[in-house]
Amino acid sequence: MEIIIYGKDGCPNCDKTRMLCQIQSLPHQLLKLDADYSAEALQAKVGQPVRSLPQIFILRDGSESYVGGYDALRAHLGSQAAALQAA
């Protein structure tokens, strides 16, 4: 599993997302607006208007799934941890 973060410089939630991945030892990469992708390309990838950053995807077994923003990633990781504890 790898976390793909579409963000930009000076974005507090982008920095929080990166730090969350580092704290949890999750492989991740940060792609920066205008350096690595365009706003139009991200909007096409997400499939809806993008109003905030970061936009986060999870790459697993060669397939990407859209998560959302920082809060959505935290919720997703929390539900994964709960599922592992219940198993």
N, C-alpha and C. Protein backbone atom coordinates (compact mmCIF):
# COMPACT_ATOMS: atom_id res chain seq x y z
N MET A 1 0.85 -1.18 0.00
CA MET A 1 0.00 0.00 0.00
C MET A 1 0.89 1.24 0.00
N GLU A 2 0.54 2.21 -0.83
CA GLU A 2 1.24 3.48 -0.87
C GLU A 2 0.21 4.61 -0.93
N ILE A 3 0.44 5.65 -0.16
CA ILE A 3 -0.42 6.82 -0.14
C ILE A 3 0.12 7.83 -1.15
N ILE A 4 -0.74 8.27 -2.06
CA ILE A 4 -0.36 9.28 -3.05
C ILE A 4 -1.07 10.57 -2.65
N ILE A 5 -0.29 11.59 -2.35
CA ILE A 5 -0.81 12.87 -1.88
C ILE A 5 -0.63 13.92 -2.97
N TYR A 6 -1.73 14.45 -3.45
CA TYR A 6 -1.70 15.57 -4.40
C TYR A 6 -1.84 16.84 -3.56
N GLY A 7 -0.79 17.63 -3.47
CA GLY A 7 -0.79 18.80 -2.60
C GLY A 7 -0.05 19.96 -3.23
N LYS A 8 0.33 20.90 -2.38
CA LYS A 8 1.10 22.06 -2.84
C LYS A 8 1.89 22.60 -1.67
N ASP A 9 2.89 23.42 -1.98
CA ASP A 9 3.68 24.08 -0.95
C ASP A 9 2.80 25.03 -0.14
N GLY A 10 3.06 25.13 1.16
CA GLY A 10 2.34 26.05 2.01
C GLY A 10 0.95 25.60 2.39
N CYS A 11 0.65 24.34 2.21
CA CYS A 11 -0.66 23.78 2.53
C CYS A 11 -0.58 23.03 3.86
N PRO A 12 -1.19 23.56 4.93
CA PRO A 12 -1.09 22.91 6.24
C PRO A 12 -1.62 21.47 6.26
N ASN A 13 -2.75 21.22 5.59
CA ASN A 13 -3.28 19.86 5.59
C ASN A 13 -2.43 18.90 4.76
N CYS A 14 -1.74 19.42 3.76
CA CYS A 14 -0.80 18.59 3.00
C CYS A 14 0.36 18.17 3.90
N ASP A 15 0.86 19.12 4.69
CA ASP A 15 1.94 18.81 5.63
C ASP A 15 1.47 17.83 6.70
N LYS A 16 0.25 18.01 7.20
CA LYS A 16 -0.29 17.09 8.22
C LYS A 16 -0.46 15.68 7.64
N THR A 17 -0.87 15.59 6.39
CA THR A 17 -1.02 14.29 5.75
C THR A 17 0.32 13.59 5.63
N ARG A 18 1.32 14.33 5.20
CA ARG A 18 2.67 13.76 5.06
C ARG A 18 3.19 13.30 6.42
N MET A 19 2.98 14.11 7.45
CA MET A 19 3.44 13.74 8.80
C MET A 19 2.69 12.52 9.33
N LEU A 20 1.39 12.43 9.06
CA LEU A 20 0.61 11.26 9.47
C LEU A 20 1.19 9.99 8.83
N CYS A 21 1.52 10.07 7.56
CA CYS A 21 2.11 8.91 6.87
C CYS A 21 3.47 8.55 7.48
N GLN A 22 4.27 9.56 7.81
CA GLN A 22 5.59 9.30 8.39
C GLN A 22 5.44 8.68 9.79
N ILE A 23 4.54 9.21 10.61
CA ILE A 23 4.34 8.69 11.96
C ILE A 23 3.89 7.23 11.92
N GLN A 24 3.02 6.91 10.96
CA GLN A 24 2.50 5.55 10.86
C GLN A 24 3.36 4.66 9.96
N SER A 25 4.50 5.18 9.54
CA SER A 25 5.44 4.43 8.68
C SER A 25 4.77 3.91 7.41
N LEU A 26 3.94 4.75 6.80
CA LEU A 26 3.26 4.37 5.57
C LEU A 26 4.04 4.92 4.38
N PRO A 27 4.31 4.08 3.40
CA PRO A 27 4.98 4.58 2.20
C PRO A 27 4.07 5.61 1.53
N HIS A 28 4.65 6.71 1.11
CA HIS A 28 3.86 7.76 0.50
C HIS A 28 4.71 8.59 -0.45
N GLN A 29 4.02 9.30 -1.32
CA GLN A 29 4.70 10.28 -2.16
C GLN A 29 3.83 11.51 -2.26
N LEU A 30 4.48 12.66 -2.26
CA LEU A 30 3.80 13.95 -2.38
C LEU A 30 4.04 14.49 -3.77
N LEU A 31 2.96 14.70 -4.50
CA LEU A 31 3.02 15.32 -5.82
C LEU A 31 2.56 16.76 -5.67
N LYS A 32 3.33 17.69 -6.22
CA LYS A 32 3.06 19.11 -6.00
C LYS A 32 2.39 19.76 -7.21
N LEU A 33 1.37 20.58 -6.92
CA LEU A 33 0.63 21.31 -7.92
C LEU A 33 1.57 22.16 -8.76
N ASP A 34 1.37 22.12 -10.05
CA ASP A 34 2.12 22.87 -11.07
C ASP A 34 3.52 22.32 -11.31
N ALA A 35 4.09 21.55 -10.39
CA ALA A 35 5.39 20.93 -10.63
C ALA A 35 5.19 19.50 -11.15
N ASP A 36 4.27 18.76 -10.53
CA ASP A 36 4.06 17.35 -10.88
C ASP A 36 2.72 17.10 -11.58
N TYR A 37 1.77 18.00 -11.43
CA TYR A 37 0.45 17.83 -12.04
C TYR A 37 -0.22 19.20 -12.15
N SER A 38 -1.25 19.26 -12.99
CA SER A 38 -2.02 20.50 -13.14
C SER A 38 -3.36 20.35 -12.40
N ALA A 39 -3.97 21.45 -12.08
CA ALA A 39 -5.28 21.42 -11.42
C ALA A 39 -6.30 20.71 -12.31
N GLU A 40 -6.22 20.92 -13.61
CA GLU A 40 -7.15 20.28 -14.54
C GLU A 40 -6.96 18.76 -14.55
N ALA A 41 -5.72 18.31 -14.53
CA ALA A 41 -5.44 16.87 -14.53
C ALA A 41 -5.95 16.22 -13.24
N LEU A 42 -5.78 16.91 -12.12
CA LEU A 42 -6.26 16.36 -10.85
C LEU A 42 -7.78 16.29 -10.85
N GLN A 43 -8.43 17.32 -11.32
CA GLN A 43 -9.89 17.32 -11.37
C GLN A 43 -10.40 16.18 -12.24
N ALA A 44 -9.74 15.93 -13.36
CA ALA A 44 -10.13 14.82 -14.24
C ALA A 44 -9.92 13.48 -13.53
N LYS A 45 -8.85 13.36 -12.77
CA LYS A 45 -8.55 12.12 -12.06
C LYS A 45 -9.56 11.86 -10.95
N VAL A 46 -9.92 12.92 -10.20
CA VAL A 46 -10.88 12.79 -9.10
C VAL A 46 -12.29 12.57 -9.63
N GLY A 47 -12.60 13.18 -10.77
CA GLY A 47 -13.92 13.00 -11.36
C GLY A 47 -14.97 13.97 -10.86
N GLN A 48 -14.54 14.99 -10.14
CA GLN A 48 -15.44 16.01 -9.63
C GLN A 48 -14.62 17.27 -9.37
N PRO A 49 -15.28 18.41 -9.19
CA PRO A 49 -14.51 19.63 -8.91
C PRO A 49 -13.67 19.48 -7.64
N VAL A 50 -12.42 19.92 -7.72
CA VAL A 50 -11.50 19.87 -6.58
C VAL A 50 -11.42 21.27 -5.99
N ARG A 51 -11.85 21.40 -4.74
CA ARG A 51 -11.89 22.71 -4.10
C ARG A 51 -10.84 22.88 -3.03
N SER A 52 -10.18 21.78 -2.65
CA SER A 52 -9.17 21.89 -1.59
C SER A 52 -8.10 20.83 -1.79
N LEU A 53 -6.99 21.05 -1.14
CA LEU A 53 -5.88 20.10 -1.15
C LEU A 53 -5.56 19.76 0.29
N PRO A 54 -5.06 18.60 0.55
CA PRO A 54 -4.64 17.59 -0.40
C PRO A 54 -5.81 16.76 -0.92
N GLN A 55 -5.57 16.11 -2.03
CA GLN A 55 -6.44 15.06 -2.54
C GLN A 55 -5.60 13.79 -2.48
N ILE A 56 -6.16 12.75 -1.89
CA ILE A 56 -5.37 11.57 -1.54
C ILE A 56 -5.93 10.32 -2.21
N PHE A 57 -5.02 9.52 -2.72
CA PHE A 57 -5.34 8.23 -3.31
C PHE A 57 -4.51 7.17 -2.59
N ILE A 58 -5.02 5.95 -2.58
CA ILE A 58 -4.25 4.82 -2.05
C ILE A 58 -3.98 3.88 -3.21
N LEU A 59 -2.70 3.57 -3.40
CA LEU A 59 -2.28 2.63 -4.43
C LEU A 59 -2.07 1.28 -3.76
N ARG A 60 -2.84 0.29 -4.20
CA ARG A 60 -2.74 -1.04 -3.62
C ARG A 60 -2.86 -2.06 -4.75
N ASP A 61 -1.89 -2.93 -4.85
CA ASP A 61 -1.88 -3.98 -5.87
C ASP A 61 -2.07 -3.42 -7.28
N GLY A 62 -1.43 -2.28 -7.56
CA GLY A 62 -1.47 -1.69 -8.89
C GLY A 62 -2.74 -0.91 -9.19
N SER A 63 -3.64 -0.81 -8.24
CA SER A 63 -4.91 -0.12 -8.44
C SER A 63 -5.01 1.06 -7.48
N GLU A 64 -5.42 2.22 -8.00
CA GLU A 64 -5.58 3.40 -7.17
C GLU A 64 -7.03 3.57 -6.77
N SER A 65 -7.25 3.93 -5.51
CA SER A 65 -8.60 4.28 -5.07
C SER A 65 -8.57 5.65 -4.42
N TYR A 66 -9.59 6.43 -4.69
CA TYR A 66 -9.69 7.79 -4.19
C TYR A 66 -10.18 7.77 -2.75
N VAL A 67 -9.50 8.51 -1.88
CA VAL A 67 -9.87 8.60 -0.47
C VAL A 67 -10.56 9.93 -0.18
N GLY A 68 -9.97 11.02 -0.61
CA GLY A 68 -10.49 12.35 -0.31
C GLY A 68 -9.37 13.21 0.26
N GLY A 69 -9.66 13.95 1.33
CA GLY A 69 -8.69 14.83 1.95
C GLY A 69 -8.08 14.24 3.21
N TYR A 70 -7.45 15.09 3.99
CA TYR A 70 -6.76 14.67 5.21
C TYR A 70 -7.69 13.96 6.19
N ASP A 71 -8.86 14.57 6.48
CA ASP A 71 -9.79 13.95 7.44
C ASP A 71 -10.29 12.60 6.94
N ALA A 72 -10.52 12.49 5.65
CA ALA A 72 -10.97 11.21 5.08
C ALA A 72 -9.88 10.14 5.22
N LEU A 73 -8.62 10.53 5.04
CA LEU A 73 -7.53 9.58 5.21
C LEU A 73 -7.44 9.11 6.66
N ARG A 74 -7.55 10.04 7.60
CA ARG A 74 -7.52 9.66 9.02
C ARG A 74 -8.64 8.68 9.34
N ALA A 75 -9.85 8.95 8.84
CA ALA A 75 -10.98 8.06 9.07
C ALA A 75 -10.73 6.70 8.44
N HIS A 76 -10.20 6.70 7.23
CA HIS A 76 -9.91 5.45 6.52
C HIS A 76 -8.88 4.60 7.28
N LEU A 77 -7.82 5.25 7.72
CA LEU A 77 -6.78 4.52 8.46
C LEU A 77 -7.32 4.02 9.80
N GLY A 78 -8.17 4.81 10.45
CA GLY A 78 -8.78 4.40 11.71
C GLY A 78 -9.69 3.19 11.53
N SER A 79 -10.46 3.17 10.46
CA SER A 79 -11.35 2.03 10.23
C SER A 79 -10.55 0.78 9.86
N GLN A 80 -9.43 0.95 9.18
CA GLN A 80 -8.57 -0.19 8.87
C GLN A 80 -7.97 -0.77 10.14
N ALA A 81 -7.52 0.10 11.04
CA ALA A 81 -6.92 -0.35 12.31
C ALA A 81 -7.97 -1.09 13.14
N ALA A 82 -9.19 -0.57 13.18
CA ALA A 82 -10.27 -1.21 13.94
C ALA A 82 -10.58 -2.59 13.37
N ALA A 83 -10.60 -2.70 12.05
CA ALA A 83 -10.87 -3.98 11.40
C ALA A 83 -9.79 -5.00 11.71
N LEU A 84 -8.54 -4.55 11.75
CA LEU A 84 -7.44 -5.46 12.07
C LEU A 84 -7.52 -5.94 13.52
N GLN A 85 -7.92 -5.05 14.42
CA GLN A 85 -8.03 -5.42 15.84
C GLN A 85 -9.17 -6.39 16.06
N ALA A 86 -10.25 -6.25 15.28
CA ALA A 86 -11.42 -7.11 15.43
C ALA A 86 -11.17 -8.51 14.87
N ALA A 87 -10.23 -8.60 13.94
CA ALA A 87 -9.97 -9.90 13.28
C ALA A 87 -9.22 -10.85 14.17
